Protein backbone atom coordinates (compact mmCIF):
# COMPACT_ATOMS: atom_id res chain seq x y z
CA MET A 1 19.59 -29.81 -8.26
CA SER A 2 18.26 -28.11 -5.14
CA SER A 3 14.57 -28.42 -4.36
CA ASN A 4 14.57 -25.25 -2.28
CA PRO A 5 11.44 -23.31 -3.36
CA ARG A 6 13.32 -20.05 -2.94
CA GLN A 7 15.62 -21.05 -5.79
CA ALA A 8 12.83 -22.21 -8.10
CA THR A 9 11.89 -20.20 -11.18
CA PRO A 10 8.86 -18.03 -10.37
CA PRO A 11 5.70 -18.93 -12.31
CA VAL A 12 4.73 -16.91 -15.36
CA ARG A 13 1.86 -14.53 -14.57
CA ILE A 14 -0.94 -14.82 -17.13
CA GLN A 15 -3.44 -11.96 -17.01
CA GLN A 16 -5.81 -11.65 -19.95
CA ASN A 17 -8.82 -10.03 -18.34
CA ILE A 18 -10.63 -7.24 -20.15
CA LEU A 19 -9.35 -4.42 -17.95
CA ALA A 20 -5.79 -5.72 -17.48
CA ARG A 21 -3.93 -3.11 -19.56
CA ARG A 22 -5.85 -0.11 -18.28
CA GLU A 23 -5.63 -1.37 -14.72
CA ARG A 24 -1.86 -1.88 -15.06
CA ARG A 25 -1.38 1.69 -16.24
CA LEU A 26 -3.45 2.95 -13.31
CA LEU A 27 -1.56 0.82 -10.79
CA ASP A 28 1.80 1.99 -12.14
CA TRP A 29 0.60 5.59 -11.91
CA LEU A 30 -0.45 5.04 -8.29
CA CYS A 31 2.75 3.21 -7.36
CA ALA A 32 4.84 6.14 -8.59
CA ARG A 33 2.90 8.53 -6.36
CA LEU A 34 2.43 6.61 -3.14
CA PRO A 35 4.42 8.05 -0.19
CA MET A 36 7.51 6.06 0.78
CA TRP A 37 6.04 5.31 4.20
CA VAL A 38 3.33 3.20 2.55
CA THR A 39 4.41 -0.46 2.51
CA PRO A 40 3.03 -3.55 0.73
CA ASP A 41 2.09 -5.09 4.09
CA GLN A 42 0.05 -1.99 4.96
CA LEU A 43 -1.76 -2.26 1.64
CA THR A 44 -2.51 -5.94 2.27
CA THR A 45 -4.01 -4.98 5.63
CA LEU A 46 -6.01 -2.19 3.99
CA GLY A 47 -7.40 -4.63 1.43
CA PHE A 48 -8.55 -6.95 4.21
CA LEU A 49 -10.18 -4.05 6.06
CA GLY A 50 -12.02 -3.27 2.83
CA ALA A 51 -13.35 -6.84 2.79
CA ALA A 52 -14.53 -6.40 6.39
CA MET A 53 -16.33 -3.20 5.33
CA VAL A 54 -18.07 -5.13 2.57
CA ALA A 55 -19.33 -7.79 4.98
CA MET A 56 -20.40 -5.20 7.55
CA GLY A 57 -22.40 -3.27 4.96
CA TYR A 58 -24.28 -6.38 3.90
CA MET A 59 -25.09 -7.37 7.47
CA LEU A 60 -26.25 -3.85 8.35
CA SER A 61 -28.47 -3.75 5.27
CA TRP A 62 -31.06 -5.57 7.39
CA LEU A 63 -31.51 -2.20 9.12
CA SER A 64 -31.50 -0.09 5.96
CA PRO A 65 -30.52 -0.60 2.30
CA ALA A 66 -28.46 2.59 2.64
CA TRP A 67 -25.79 0.52 4.40
CA LEU A 68 -25.05 -1.16 1.07
CA ALA A 69 -23.07 1.98 0.24
CA LEU A 70 -20.58 0.79 2.86
CA SER A 71 -20.21 -2.49 0.98
CA ILE A 72 -19.62 -0.69 -2.32
CA THR A 73 -17.00 1.53 -0.67
CA GLY A 74 -15.43 -1.58 0.84
CA TYR A 75 -15.02 -3.15 -2.59
CA VAL A 76 -13.09 -0.07 -3.74
CA VAL A 77 -10.89 -0.13 -0.64
CA ASN A 78 -10.29 -3.86 -1.10
CA TRP A 79 -9.31 -3.33 -4.75
CA PHE A 80 -6.92 -0.54 -3.80
CA GLY A 81 -5.12 -2.55 -1.13
CA ASP A 82 -5.20 -5.96 -2.80
CA SER A 83 -4.16 -4.74 -6.24
CA LEU A 84 -1.42 -2.43 -5.06
CA ASP A 85 0.41 -4.52 -2.45
CA GLY A 86 2.25 -6.76 -4.92
CA SER A 87 2.41 -4.02 -7.55
CA LEU A 88 4.16 -1.68 -5.13
CA ALA A 89 6.65 -4.36 -4.08
CA ARG A 90 7.54 -5.02 -7.73
CA TRP A 91 7.66 -1.29 -8.53
CA ARG A 92 10.14 -0.63 -5.70
CA ARG A 93 12.00 -3.90 -6.35
CA ILE A 94 11.48 -5.06 -2.78
CA GLU A 95 9.72 -8.33 -3.61
CA ARG A 96 9.75 -11.12 -1.08
CA PRO A 97 8.30 -13.86 -3.34
CA SER A 98 7.73 -16.65 -0.79
CA TYR A 99 6.47 -14.36 1.99
CA GLY A 100 4.36 -12.22 -0.32
CA TYR A 101 2.84 -15.21 -2.13
CA PHE A 102 1.89 -16.94 1.11
CA VAL A 103 0.55 -13.92 3.00
CA ASP A 104 -1.24 -12.29 0.08
CA HIS A 105 -3.18 -15.38 -0.98
CA SER A 106 -3.92 -16.44 2.60
CA VAL A 107 -5.48 -13.03 3.22
CA ASP A 108 -7.29 -13.21 -0.13
CA GLY A 109 -8.99 -16.44 0.92
CA LEU A 110 -10.30 -14.86 4.11
CA ALA A 111 -11.32 -11.73 2.20
CA ILE A 112 -13.41 -13.74 -0.27
CA LEU A 113 -15.11 -15.54 2.62
CA LEU A 114 -15.95 -12.17 4.20
CA MET A 115 -17.15 -10.46 1.03
CA VAL A 116 -19.10 -13.23 -0.69
CA GLY A 117 -20.11 -14.91 2.55
CA GLY A 118 -21.27 -11.52 3.77
CA ILE A 119 -23.77 -11.37 0.92
CA GLY A 120 -25.40 -14.44 2.45
CA LEU A 121 -25.81 -12.51 5.70
CA SER A 122 -27.84 -9.84 3.91
CA PRO A 123 -31.61 -9.91 3.17
CA TYR A 124 -30.89 -10.55 -0.51
CA MET A 125 -29.15 -13.93 -0.72
CA ARG A 126 -29.33 -17.18 1.21
CA PHE A 127 -26.24 -18.03 3.25
CA ASP A 128 -25.93 -21.52 1.78
CA VAL A 129 -25.97 -20.09 -1.75
CA ALA A 130 -23.28 -17.58 -0.81
CA LEU A 131 -21.11 -20.36 0.63
CA ILE A 132 -21.50 -22.39 -2.56
CA ALA A 133 -20.15 -19.37 -4.45
CA VAL A 134 -17.23 -19.13 -2.01
CA ILE A 135 -16.48 -22.83 -2.57
CA GLY A 136 -16.55 -22.36 -6.35
CA TYR A 137 -14.14 -19.44 -6.14
CA LEU A 138 -11.76 -21.25 -3.78
CA LEU A 139 -11.79 -24.39 -5.97
CA LEU A 140 -10.65 -22.30 -8.92
CA ALA A 141 -8.05 -20.62 -6.70
CA ILE A 142 -6.75 -24.05 -5.66
CA HIS A 143 -6.37 -24.98 -9.33
CA THR A 144 -4.45 -21.73 -9.93
CA PHE A 145 -2.05 -22.41 -7.06
CA LEU A 146 -1.50 -26.03 -8.13
CA ALA A 147 -0.90 -25.04 -11.75
CA ALA A 148 1.62 -22.43 -10.63
CA LYS A 149 3.59 -25.23 -8.97
CA VAL A 150 3.36 -28.02 -11.55
CA VAL A 151 3.03 -26.09 -14.83
CA GLY A 152 4.78 -22.84 -13.94
CA GLU A 153 1.85 -20.64 -14.94
CA PHE A 154 0.01 -18.42 -12.49
CA ARG A 155 -3.28 -17.59 -14.18
CA LEU A 156 -4.93 -14.42 -12.89
CA SER A 157 -7.92 -14.49 -15.22
CA TYR A 158 -10.42 -16.92 -16.70
CA MET A 159 -12.90 -16.25 -19.52
CA ALA A 160 -11.49 -12.71 -19.85
CA GLY A 161 -12.42 -11.99 -16.25
CA GLY A 162 -10.26 -11.50 -13.18
CA PRO A 163 -10.56 -10.21 -9.62
CA THR A 164 -11.23 -6.64 -10.76
CA GLU A 165 -14.05 -7.68 -13.08
CA LEU A 166 -15.47 -9.81 -10.27
CA ARG A 167 -15.49 -6.82 -7.92
CA LEU A 168 -17.22 -4.68 -10.54
CA MET A 169 -19.85 -7.39 -11.02
CA LEU A 170 -20.43 -7.55 -7.25
CA ILE A 171 -20.63 -3.75 -7.04
CA ALA A 172 -23.27 -3.71 -9.80
CA MET A 173 -25.19 -6.50 -8.07
CA THR A 174 -25.04 -4.63 -4.76
CA ALA A 175 -26.33 -1.44 -6.37
CA LEU A 176 -29.29 -3.40 -7.75
CA MET A 177 -30.19 -5.00 -4.42
CA PRO A 178 -32.47 -2.18 -3.15
CA VAL A 179 -34.14 -2.03 -6.57
CA VAL A 180 -34.74 -5.74 -7.12
CA GLY A 181 -35.19 -6.72 -3.47
CA GLY A 182 -34.75 -10.09 -1.84
CA ALA A 183 -38.20 -11.58 -2.41
CA ASP A 184 -38.53 -15.17 -3.61
CA VAL A 185 -39.01 -15.69 -7.33
CA ARG A 186 -42.39 -17.34 -7.97
CA GLY A 187 -42.40 -19.10 -4.63
CA ILE A 188 -39.32 -21.26 -5.28
CA ASN A 189 -37.58 -20.11 -2.10
CA PHE A 190 -34.80 -18.47 -4.08
CA SER A 191 -34.42 -14.76 -4.75
CA ALA A 192 -33.15 -13.33 -8.03
CA PHE A 193 -29.75 -12.92 -6.39
CA ASP A 194 -29.81 -16.55 -5.21
CA LEU A 195 -30.34 -17.68 -8.79
CA PHE A 196 -27.56 -15.39 -10.00
CA GLY A 197 -25.25 -16.72 -7.29
CA LEU A 198 -25.99 -20.31 -8.29
CA LEU A 199 -25.31 -19.48 -11.94
CA VAL A 200 -21.94 -17.91 -11.11
CA SER A 201 -21.10 -20.83 -8.80
CA SER A 202 -21.84 -23.35 -11.56
CA ILE A 203 -19.55 -21.45 -13.93
CA LEU A 204 -16.72 -21.41 -11.37
CA VAL A 205 -17.04 -25.13 -10.63
CA THR A 206 -17.23 -25.94 -14.34
CA LEU A 207 -14.06 -23.92 -14.94
CA PHE A 208 -12.34 -25.80 -12.13
CA VAL A 209 -13.30 -29.18 -13.57
CA THR A 210 -12.42 -28.38 -17.19
CA GLN A 211 -9.15 -26.65 -16.31
CA SER A 212 -8.18 -29.52 -14.01
CA PHE A 213 -8.80 -32.09 -16.75
CA THR A 214 -6.86 -29.97 -19.26
CA THR A 215 -3.88 -29.63 -16.93
CA ALA A 216 -3.97 -33.34 -16.01
CA ARG A 217 -3.88 -34.32 -19.69
CA GLN A 218 -0.98 -31.93 -20.22
CA LEU A 219 0.93 -33.45 -17.31
CA ALA A 220 0.17 -37.01 -18.44
CA HIS A 221 2.56 -36.56 -21.34
CA ARG A 222 5.40 -35.61 -19.00
CA ARG A 223 7.56 -38.01 -17.04
CA ASP A 224 7.96 -36.01 -13.82
């Protein structure tokens, strides 16, 4: 049997997040109406530009909290590009599985570093806390990519949450930043957003550990 990855069976996509069905209907509606000159690669680039907008808004918020509106807009742009690039390719039946998988997830990794790391360059969260959150997200992403290879399941959601729910959570957090502020909580050298970031990070790392153990036990009963 050939070991050529191009001939391998593609992994089963598992998406059980809260908004999955409504989002799928919206994406299909958009795919049917996008001009033919719009390509998946252009949408991938647009999603990355949205991530850059997010980071820029956070950094400029040192000058004025009003710049956080740029970050919120960037999240929407990132969702549009990142959610539609693969959807459009599948809608038009022009998938390039190996190329799309590699490019899309490579860009996603950089986008997460920009968006979440950018929060650490704002007045509201410490940079080290933001990087811990990035590490937690990327650890879970690594598990997803490994499971897609060895189990044949590409999980797009955990605990009923996926990338879209994460963006909505970050948008809500960003909207609260001017209201709550970035002051330390009771002199512990952590702001409210630092504590929230550490909580989310701990959940991501815990998911990585538990899912890794679960998958390892599943594989232990196989002979390959």
